[in-house]
Amino acid sequence: MLKTAAAAITVLLVAASPIAHAQSAPTSKTDASANDSTMLTDVRIQVIKAALQLTPAQEKYWPAVEQAIRFRAKDRQERVAKLKERIEHLHEGGPAEFLRNPDPVEFLNSRSGTLAQRSADLKKLADAWQPLYQTLDADQKQRMRFVAMFLIAKVRDAAGQARDEDIDDE
């Protein structure tokens, strides 16, 4: 059963990627990143839902989970955009300007705000999952663990690839 689920998930991810890329025609690099992020979120949601094979009784809990996943992904996308903007600003000013005006307190306040937002998003996700998770049987919980590990690895790989592409662009 687990091998079948793994094969189905792999086929879905491989098949969905080229289709989604062919359907979207981004007009800029920012649009491409937003489209890629939205596409990845859509695929993640489809994979999770397909792997869980929810019963009709469990389906009523799914909209809250999907909404929390989308909200967290949107916030992550906004954080990445702000970070890219900040990096561009630092590149424009050069290292001398950064060294002239370092403000560690501003950095700490900014970092704590970001972590607080991430914490709140994660709490919303956990709260949304809890009612559904309590209704899952042992097989569904096993599939959920597998999908979570698989998706975490894919996201980590995609982030590394994007970082490498950004370095290559510079």
C-alpha atoms as a PDB file:
ATOM      1  CA  MET A   1       0.000   0.000   0.000  1.00  0.00           C
ATOM      2  CA  LEU A   2       2.802   2.397   0.932  1.00  0.00           C
ATOM      3  CA  LYS A   3       4.682   1.636  -2.277  1.00  0.00           C
ATOM      4  CA  THR A   4       1.535   2.310  -4.298  1.00  0.00           C
ATOM      5  CA  ALA A   5       1.012   5.647  -2.549  1.00  0.00           C
ATOM      6  CA  ALA A   6       4.655   6.593  -3.110  1.00  0.00           C
ATOM      7  CA  ALA A   7       4.443   5.724  -6.788  1.00  0.00           C
ATOM      8  CA  ALA A   8       1.195   7.659  -7.197  1.00  0.00           C
ATOM      9  CA  ILE A   9       2.620  10.733  -5.507  1.00  0.00           C
ATOM     10  CA  THR A  10       5.779  10.622  -7.588  1.00  0.00           C
ATOM     11  CA  VAL A  11       3.798  10.272 -10.822  1.00  0.00           C
ATOM     12  CA  LEU A  12       1.513  13.134  -9.788  1.00  0.00           C
ATOM     13  CA  LEU A  13       4.423  15.462  -9.020  1.00  0.00           C
ATOM     14  CA  VAL A  14       6.320  14.588 -12.168  1.00  0.00           C
ATOM     15  CA  ALA A  15       3.227  14.891 -14.346  1.00  0.00           C
ATOM     16  CA  ALA A  16       1.950  18.103 -12.789  1.00  0.00           C
ATOM     17  CA  SER A  17       5.170  20.096 -13.087  1.00  0.00           C
ATOM     18  CA  PRO A  18       5.469  20.385 -16.891  1.00  0.00           C
ATOM     19  CA  ILE A  19       1.730  20.932 -17.315  1.00  0.00           C
ATOM     20  CA  ALA A  20       1.653  23.804 -14.871  1.00  0.00           C
ATOM     21  CA  HIS A  21       4.772  25.370 -16.412  1.00  0.00           C
ATOM     22  CA  ALA A  22       3.268  25.141 -19.876  1.00  0.00           C
ATOM     23  CA  GLN A  23       0.006  26.765 -18.776  1.00  0.00           C
ATOM     24  CA  SER A  24       1.568  29.775 -17.076  1.00  0.00           C
ATOM     25  CA  ALA A  25       3.453  32.438 -18.984  1.00  0.00           C
ATOM     26  CA  PRO A  26       5.054  34.742 -16.424  1.00  0.00           C
ATOM     27  CA  THR A  27       5.924  38.245 -17.556  1.00  0.00           C
ATOM     28  CA  SER A  28       8.813  38.762 -15.150  1.00  0.00           C
ATOM     29  CA  LYS A  29      11.033  36.892 -12.723  1.00  0.00           C
ATOM     30  CA  THR A  30       8.810  38.015  -9.833  1.00  0.00           C
ATOM     31  CA  ASP A  31       5.719  36.711 -11.621  1.00  0.00           C
ATOM     32  CA  ALA A  32       7.545  33.442 -12.266  1.00  0.00           C
ATOM     33  CA  SER A  33       8.377  33.071  -8.571  1.00  0.00           C
ATOM     34  CA  ALA A  34       4.797  33.836  -7.553  1.00  0.00           C
ATOM     35  CA  ASN A  35       3.429  31.411 -10.137  1.00  0.00           C
ATOM     36  CA  ASP A  36       5.894  28.713  -9.089  1.00  0.00           C
ATOM     37  CA  SER A  37       5.006  29.181  -5.447  1.00  0.00           C
ATOM     38  CA  THR A  38       1.274  29.058  -6.144  1.00  0.00           C
ATOM     39  CA  MET A  39       1.723  26.023  -8.351  1.00  0.00           C
ATOM     40  CA  LEU A  40       3.784  24.231  -5.695  1.00  0.00           C
ATOM     41  CA  THR A  41       1.148  24.992  -3.077  1.00  0.00           C
ATOM     42  CA  ASP A  42      -1.622  23.677  -5.339  1.00  0.00           C
ATOM     43  CA  VAL A  43       0.313  20.489  -6.039  1.00  0.00           C
ATOM     44  CA  ARG A  44       1.142  19.996  -2.350  1.00  0.00           C
ATOM     45  CA  ILE A  45      -2.517  20.330  -1.424  1.00  0.00           C
ATOM     46  CA  GLN A  46      -3.612  17.901  -4.154  1.00  0.00           C
ATOM     47  CA  VAL A  47      -0.966  15.365  -3.141  1.00  0.00           C
ATOM     48  CA  ILE A  48      -1.856  15.526   0.540  1.00  0.00           C
ATOM     49  CA  LYS A  49      -5.568  15.195  -0.100  1.00  0.00           C
ATOM     50  CA  ALA A  50      -5.108  12.350  -2.587  1.00  0.00           C
ATOM     51  CA  ALA A  51      -2.780  10.479  -0.240  1.00  0.00           C
ATOM     52  CA  LEU A  52      -5.155  10.769   2.712  1.00  0.00           C
ATOM     53  CA  GLN A  53      -8.151   9.418   0.771  1.00  0.00           C
ATOM     54  CA  LEU A  54     -10.563  11.232   3.058  1.00  0.00           C
ATOM     55  CA  THR A  55     -13.942   9.760   3.902  1.00  0.00           C
ATOM     56  CA  PRO A  56     -17.065  11.884   3.423  1.00  0.00           C
ATOM     57  CA  ALA A  57     -17.168  12.467   7.194  1.00  0.00           C
ATOM     58  CA  GLN A  58     -13.548  13.695   7.145  1.00  0.00           C
ATOM     59  CA  GLU A  59     -14.090  15.976   4.129  1.00  0.00           C
ATOM     60  CA  LYS A  60     -15.833  18.584   6.306  1.00  0.00           C
ATOM     61  CA  TYR A  61     -12.511  19.279   8.073  1.00  0.00           C
ATOM     62  CA  TRP A  62     -10.502  19.685   4.854  1.00  0.00           C
ATOM     63  CA  PRO A  63     -11.391  23.299   3.871  1.00  0.00           C
ATOM     64  CA  ALA A  64      -9.850  24.682   7.088  1.00  0.00           C
ATOM     65  CA  VAL A  65      -6.659  22.685   6.485  1.00  0.00           C
ATOM     66  CA  GLU A  66      -6.416  23.829   2.857  1.00  0.00           C
ATOM     67  CA  GLN A  67      -7.008  27.445   3.841  1.00  0.00           C
ATOM     68  CA  ALA A  68      -4.285  27.276   6.506  1.00  0.00           C
ATOM     69  CA  ILE A  69      -1.826  25.728   4.040  1.00  0.00           C
ATOM     70  CA  ARG A  70      -2.557  28.454   1.473  1.00  0.00           C
ATOM     71  CA  PHE A  71      -2.319  31.237   4.063  1.00  0.00           C
ATOM     72  CA  ARG A  72       1.036  29.974   5.312  1.00  0.00           C
ATOM     73  CA  ALA A  73       2.354  29.664   1.756  1.00  0.00           C
ATOM     74  CA  LYS A  74       1.206  33.217   0.941  1.00  0.00           C
ATOM     75  CA  ASP A  75       2.961  34.593   4.023  1.00  0.00           C
ATOM     76  CA  ARG A  76       6.120  32.650   3.135  1.00  0.00           C
ATOM     77  CA  GLN A  77       6.015  34.110  -0.377  1.00  0.00           C
ATOM     78  CA  GLU A  78       5.682  37.635   1.041  1.00  0.00           C
ATOM     79  CA  ARG A  79       8.626  37.075   3.425  1.00  0.00           C
ATOM     80  CA  VAL A  80      10.809  35.854   0.566  1.00  0.00           C
ATOM     81  CA  ALA A  81       9.858  38.879  -1.555  1.00  0.00           C
ATOM     82  CA  LYS A  82      10.748  41.250   1.305  1.00  0.00           C
ATOM     83  CA  LEU A  83      14.043  39.470   1.839  1.00  0.00           C
ATOM     84  CA  LYS A  84      14.919  39.742  -1.853  1.00  0.00           C
ATOM     85  CA  GLU A  85      14.045  43.430  -1.764  1.00  0.00           C
ATOM     86  CA  ARG A  86      16.260  43.960   1.277  1.00  0.00           C
ATOM     87  CA  ILE A  87      19.153  42.108  -0.347  1.00  0.00           C
ATOM     88  CA  GLU A  88      18.809  44.224  -3.495  1.00  0.00           C
ATOM     89  CA  HIS A  89      18.831  47.365  -1.340  1.00  0.00           C
ATOM     90  CA  LEU A  90      22.010  46.203   0.407  1.00  0.00           C
ATOM     91  CA  HIS A  91      23.646  45.456  -2.954  1.00  0.00           C
ATOM     92  CA  GLU A  92      22.777  48.941  -4.209  1.00  0.00           C
ATOM     93  CA  GLY A  93      24.287  50.626  -1.163  1.00  0.00           C
ATOM     94  CA  GLY A  94      27.374  48.456  -1.186  1.00  0.00           C
ATOM     95  CA  PRO A  95      29.236  47.005   1.768  1.00  0.00           C
ATOM     96  CA  ALA A  96      30.620  50.376   2.902  1.00  0.00           C
ATOM     97  CA  GLU A  97      27.157  51.822   3.536  1.00  0.00           C
ATOM     98  CA  PHE A  98      26.083  48.700   5.396  1.00  0.00           C
ATOM     99  CA  LEU A  99      29.156  48.847   7.625  1.00  0.00           C
ATOM    100  CA  ARG A 100      28.631  52.585   8.292  1.00  0.00           C
ATOM    101  CA  ASN A 101      25.063  52.159   9.501  1.00  0.00           C
ATOM    102  CA  PRO A 102      24.725  48.757  11.159  1.00  0.00           C
ATOM    103  CA  ASP A 103      21.744  48.599  13.483  1.00  0.00           C
ATOM    104  CA  PRO A 104      21.690  45.317  15.380  1.00  0.00           C
ATOM    105  CA  VAL A 105      18.603  46.343  17.354  1.00  0.00           C
ATOM    106  CA  GLU A 106      16.676  46.933  14.134  1.00  0.00           C
ATOM    107  CA  PHE A 107      17.846  43.539  12.877  1.00  0.00           C
ATOM    108  CA  LEU A 108      16.751  41.799  16.093  1.00  0.00           C
ATOM    109  CA  ASN A 109      13.353  43.506  16.036  1.00  0.00           C
ATOM    110  CA  SER A 110      12.852  42.583  12.395  1.00  0.00           C
ATOM    111  CA  ARG A 111      13.903  38.993  13.009  1.00  0.00           C
ATOM    112  CA  SER A 112      11.635  38.628  16.044  1.00  0.00           C
ATOM    113  CA  GLY A 113       8.683  39.961  14.041  1.00  0.00           C
ATOM    114  CA  THR A 114       9.361  37.462  11.270  1.00  0.00           C
ATOM    115  CA  LEU A 115       9.643  34.590  13.721  1.00  0.00           C
ATOM    116  CA  ALA A 116       6.438  35.660  15.482  1.00  0.00           C
ATOM    117  CA  GLN A 117       4.593  35.674  12.161  1.00  0.00           C
ATOM    118  CA  ARG A 118       5.958  32.244  11.253  1.00  0.00           C
ATOM    119  CA  SER A 119       4.985  30.950  14.685  1.00  0.00           C
ATOM    120  CA  ALA A 120       1.430  32.285  14.345  1.00  0.00           C
ATOM    121  CA  ASP A 121       1.107  30.753  10.858  1.00  0.00           C
ATOM    122  CA  LEU A 122       2.356  27.393  12.109  1.00  0.00           C
ATOM    123  CA  LYS A 123      -0.052  27.504  15.058  1.00  0.00           C
ATOM    124  CA  LYS A 124      -2.966  28.200  12.681  1.00  0.00           C
ATOM    125  CA  LEU A 125      -1.892  25.232  10.571  1.00  0.00           C
ATOM    126  CA  ALA A 126      -1.669  22.941  13.597  1.00  0.00           C
ATOM    127  CA  ASP A 127      -5.071  24.130  14.846  1.00  0.00           C
ATOM    128  CA  ALA A 128      -6.609  23.477  11.425  1.00  0.00           C
ATOM    129  CA  TRP A 129      -5.095  19.979  11.206  1.00  0.00           C
ATOM    130  CA  GLN A 130      -6.035  18.833  14.707  1.00  0.00           C
ATOM    131  CA  PRO A 131      -9.753  18.023  14.154  1.00  0.00           C
ATOM    132  CA  LEU A 132      -9.004  16.200  10.892  1.00  0.00           C
ATOM    133  CA  TYR A 133      -5.998  14.340  12.281  1.00  0.00           C
ATOM    134  CA  GLN A 134      -8.076  12.981  15.159  1.00  0.00           C
ATOM    135  CA  THR A 135     -10.403  11.290  12.641  1.00  0.00           C
ATOM    136  CA  LEU A 136      -7.652   9.653  10.556  1.00  0.00           C
ATOM    137  CA  ASP A 137      -7.167   5.907  10.796  1.00  0.00           C
ATOM    138  CA  ALA A 138      -3.738   4.279  11.163  1.00  0.00           C
ATOM    139  CA  ASP A 139      -3.232   3.887   7.390  1.00  0.00           C
ATOM    140  CA  GLN A 140      -4.112   7.531   6.729  1.00  0.00           C
ATOM    141  CA  LYS A 141      -1.705   8.669   9.464  1.00  0.00           C
ATOM    142  CA  GLN A 142       1.043   6.502   7.937  1.00  0.00           C
ATOM    143  CA  ARG A 143       0.406   8.014   4.487  1.00  0.00           C
ATOM    144  CA  MET A 144       0.387  11.510   5.995  1.00  0.00           C
ATOM    145  CA  ARG A 145       3.803  10.939   7.608  1.00  0.00           C
ATOM    146  CA  PHE A 146       5.187   9.616   4.327  1.00  0.00           C
ATOM    147  CA  VAL A 147       3.815  12.524   2.298  1.00  0.00           C
ATOM    148  CA  ALA A 148       5.108  15.043   4.842  1.00  0.00           C
ATOM    149  CA  MET A 149       8.636  13.604   4.680  1.00  0.00           C
ATOM    150  CA  PHE A 150       8.488  13.422   0.878  1.00  0.00           C
ATOM    151  CA  LEU A 151       7.223  16.995   0.480  1.00  0.00           C
ATOM    152  CA  ILE A 152       9.731  18.391   2.972  1.00  0.00           C
ATOM    153  CA  ALA A 153      12.542  16.821   0.951  1.00  0.00           C
ATOM    154  CA  LYS A 154      11.101  18.190  -2.317  1.00  0.00           C
ATOM    155  CA  VAL A 155      10.676  21.699  -0.879  1.00  0.00           C
ATOM    156  CA  ARG A 156      14.228  21.623   0.495  1.00  0.00           C
ATOM    157  CA  ASP A 157      15.550  20.529  -2.910  1.00  0.00           C
ATOM    158  CA  ALA A 158      13.523  23.211  -4.719  1.00  0.00           C
ATOM    159  CA  ALA A 159      14.757  25.905  -2.327  1.00  0.00           C
ATOM    160  CA  GLY A 160      18.352  24.819  -2.868  1.00  0.00           C
ATOM    161  CA  GLN A 161      17.875  24.834  -6.615  1.00  0.00           C
ATOM    162  CA  ALA A 162      16.301  28.303  -6.540  1.00  0.00           C
ATOM    163  CA  ARG A 163      19.147  29.585  -4.377  1.00  0.00           C
ATOM    164  CA  ASP A 164      21.683  28.111  -6.805  1.00  0.00           C
ATOM    165  CA  GLU A 165      19.880  29.746  -9.751  1.00  0.00           C
ATOM    166  CA  ASP A 166      19.894  33.126  -7.968  1.00  0.00           C
ATOM    167  CA  ILE A 167      23.630  32.795  -7.343  1.00  0.00           C
ATOM    168  CA  ASP A 168      24.180  31.880 -10.992  1.00  0.00           C
ATOM    169  CA  ASP A 169      22.154  34.925 -12.108  1.00  0.00           C
ATOM    170  CA  GLU A 170      24.333  37.267 -10.079  1.00  0.00           C
END
